[in-house]
């Protein structure tokens, strides 16, 4: 986990050659190096009361290459 100025706390999760990144967290509830399971709570998303929207930024990487998360999300349904 780490902090991104202007965006809040962030987490990078390793899945072997794949990584998922989560920026815009208010709180992080996992420790660096901790193993996490599918659907496990890893943190609390920041919420902008004025705009009434959450501020999560989600990314998927294969190595150093960004992958469109929309392709993955669409496969889930």
C-alpha atoms as a PDB file:
ATOM      1  CA  UNK A   1       0.000   0.000   0.000  1.00  0.00           C
ATOM      2  CA  UNK A   2       1.112   3.583  -0.591  1.00  0.00           C
ATOM      3  CA  UNK A   3      -0.167   7.165  -0.755  1.00  0.00           C
ATOM      4  CA  UNK A   4      -0.845   9.114  -3.978  1.00  0.00           C
ATOM      5  CA  UNK A   5      -0.920  12.884  -3.469  1.00  0.00           C
ATOM      6  CA  UNK A   6      -4.362  14.250  -4.331  1.00  0.00           C
ATOM      7  CA  UNK A   7      -5.896  10.776  -4.683  1.00  0.00           C
ATOM      8  CA  UNK A   8      -5.495   9.218  -1.250  1.00  0.00           C
ATOM      9  CA  UNK A   9      -4.310   5.797  -0.245  1.00  0.00           C
ATOM     10  CA  UNK A  10      -3.650   3.093  -2.838  1.00  0.00           C
ATOM     11  CA  UNK A  11      -3.051  -0.648  -3.010  1.00  0.00           C
ATOM     12  CA  UNK A  12      -1.270  -2.749  -5.621  1.00  0.00           C
ATOM     13  CA  UNK A  13      -2.199  -6.454  -5.539  1.00  0.00           C
ATOM     14  CA  UNK A  14       0.039  -9.013  -7.242  1.00  0.00           C
ATOM     15  CA  UNK A  15      -1.570 -11.940  -9.057  1.00  0.00           C
ATOM     16  CA  UNK A  16       1.635 -13.493 -10.409  1.00  0.00           C
ATOM     17  CA  UNK A  17       2.327 -11.751 -13.747  1.00  0.00           C
ATOM     18  CA  UNK A  18      -0.864  -9.685 -13.323  1.00  0.00           C
ATOM     19  CA  UNK A  19      -1.483  -6.756 -10.968  1.00  0.00           C
ATOM     20  CA  UNK A  20      -4.571  -4.823  -9.903  1.00  0.00           C
ATOM     21  CA  UNK A  21      -4.312  -1.271  -8.623  1.00  0.00           C
ATOM     22  CA  UNK A  22      -6.830   0.553  -6.442  1.00  0.00           C
ATOM     23  CA  UNK A  23      -6.392   4.320  -5.886  1.00  0.00           C
ATOM     24  CA  UNK A  24      -8.717   6.676  -4.040  1.00  0.00           C
ATOM     25  CA  UNK A  25      -9.038   4.774  -0.787  1.00  0.00           C
ATOM     26  CA  UNK A  26      -9.970   6.421   2.492  1.00  0.00           C
ATOM     27  CA  UNK A  27      -8.667   3.512   4.552  1.00  0.00           C
ATOM     28  CA  UNK A  28      -6.591   0.403   3.871  1.00  0.00           C
ATOM     29  CA  UNK A  29      -7.369  -2.674   5.963  1.00  0.00           C
ATOM     30  CA  UNK A  30      -4.658  -5.034   4.671  1.00  0.00           C
ATOM     31  CA  UNK A  31      -0.940  -5.047   5.400  1.00  0.00           C
ATOM     32  CA  UNK A  32       1.892  -4.971   2.870  1.00  0.00           C
ATOM     33  CA  UNK A  33       2.775  -8.557   1.935  1.00  0.00           C
ATOM     34  CA  UNK A  34      -0.504  -9.972   3.257  1.00  0.00           C
ATOM     35  CA  UNK A  35      -2.286 -12.536   1.080  1.00  0.00           C
ATOM     36  CA  UNK A  36      -5.824 -11.539   0.136  1.00  0.00           C
ATOM     37  CA  UNK A  37      -8.695 -13.649  -1.129  1.00  0.00           C
ATOM     38  CA  UNK A  38     -11.285 -12.958  -3.823  1.00  0.00           C
ATOM     39  CA  UNK A  39     -14.019 -10.646  -2.507  1.00  0.00           C
ATOM     40  CA  UNK A  40     -12.014  -9.866   0.637  1.00  0.00           C
ATOM     41  CA  UNK A  41     -12.321  -6.287   1.907  1.00  0.00           C
ATOM     42  CA  UNK A  42      -9.005  -4.503   1.261  1.00  0.00           C
ATOM     43  CA  UNK A  43     -10.062  -0.937   2.036  1.00  0.00           C
ATOM     44  CA  UNK A  44     -12.716   1.759   2.136  1.00  0.00           C
ATOM     45  CA  UNK A  45     -13.304   3.887  -0.981  1.00  0.00           C
ATOM     46  CA  UNK A  46     -13.204   7.698  -0.620  1.00  0.00           C
ATOM     47  CA  UNK A  47     -16.523   9.434  -1.173  1.00  0.00           C
ATOM     48  CA  UNK A  48     -17.027  13.027  -2.307  1.00  0.00           C
ATOM     49  CA  UNK A  49     -20.094  14.297  -0.451  1.00  0.00           C
ATOM     50  CA  UNK A  50     -20.388  17.449  -2.569  1.00  0.00           C
ATOM     51  CA  UNK A  51     -20.426  15.521  -5.877  1.00  0.00           C
ATOM     52  CA  UNK A  52     -22.075  12.474  -4.286  1.00  0.00           C
ATOM     53  CA  UNK A  53     -19.752   9.983  -5.956  1.00  0.00           C
ATOM     54  CA  UNK A  54     -17.068   7.529  -4.984  1.00  0.00           C
ATOM     55  CA  UNK A  55     -13.498   8.213  -6.053  1.00  0.00           C
ATOM     56  CA  UNK A  56     -12.051   4.757  -6.748  1.00  0.00           C
ATOM     57  CA  UNK A  57      -9.590   4.418  -9.627  1.00  0.00           C
ATOM     58  CA  UNK A  58      -9.106   0.763 -10.685  1.00  0.00           C
ATOM     59  CA  UNK A  59      -6.365  -0.502 -13.018  1.00  0.00           C
ATOM     60  CA  UNK A  60      -5.167  -3.866 -14.315  1.00  0.00           C
ATOM     61  CA  UNK A  61      -1.602  -4.516 -15.474  1.00  0.00           C
ATOM     62  CA  UNK A  62       0.055  -7.462 -17.187  1.00  0.00           C
ATOM     63  CA  UNK A  63       3.665  -6.881 -16.193  1.00  0.00           C
ATOM     64  CA  UNK A  64       4.148  -3.163 -16.895  1.00  0.00           C
ATOM     65  CA  UNK A  65       1.412  -2.994 -19.551  1.00  0.00           C
ATOM     66  CA  UNK A  66      -1.986  -1.504 -18.673  1.00  0.00           C
ATOM     67  CA  UNK A  67      -5.009  -3.614 -19.622  1.00  0.00           C
ATOM     68  CA  UNK A  68      -8.519  -2.227 -20.130  1.00  0.00           C
ATOM     69  CA  UNK A  69     -10.455  -3.293 -16.991  1.00  0.00           C
ATOM     70  CA  UNK A  70     -13.736  -2.987 -18.933  1.00  0.00           C
ATOM     71  CA  UNK A  71     -12.817  -6.125 -20.883  1.00  0.00           C
ATOM     72  CA  UNK A  72     -12.412  -8.074 -17.643  1.00  0.00           C
ATOM     73  CA  UNK A  73     -15.523  -6.699 -15.972  1.00  0.00           C
ATOM     74  CA  UNK A  74     -17.679  -7.526 -19.018  1.00  0.00           C
ATOM     75  CA  UNK A  75     -16.465 -11.172 -18.866  1.00  0.00           C
ATOM     76  CA  UNK A  76     -17.821 -11.471 -15.318  1.00  0.00           C
ATOM     77  CA  UNK A  77     -21.425 -11.108 -16.456  1.00  0.00           C
END
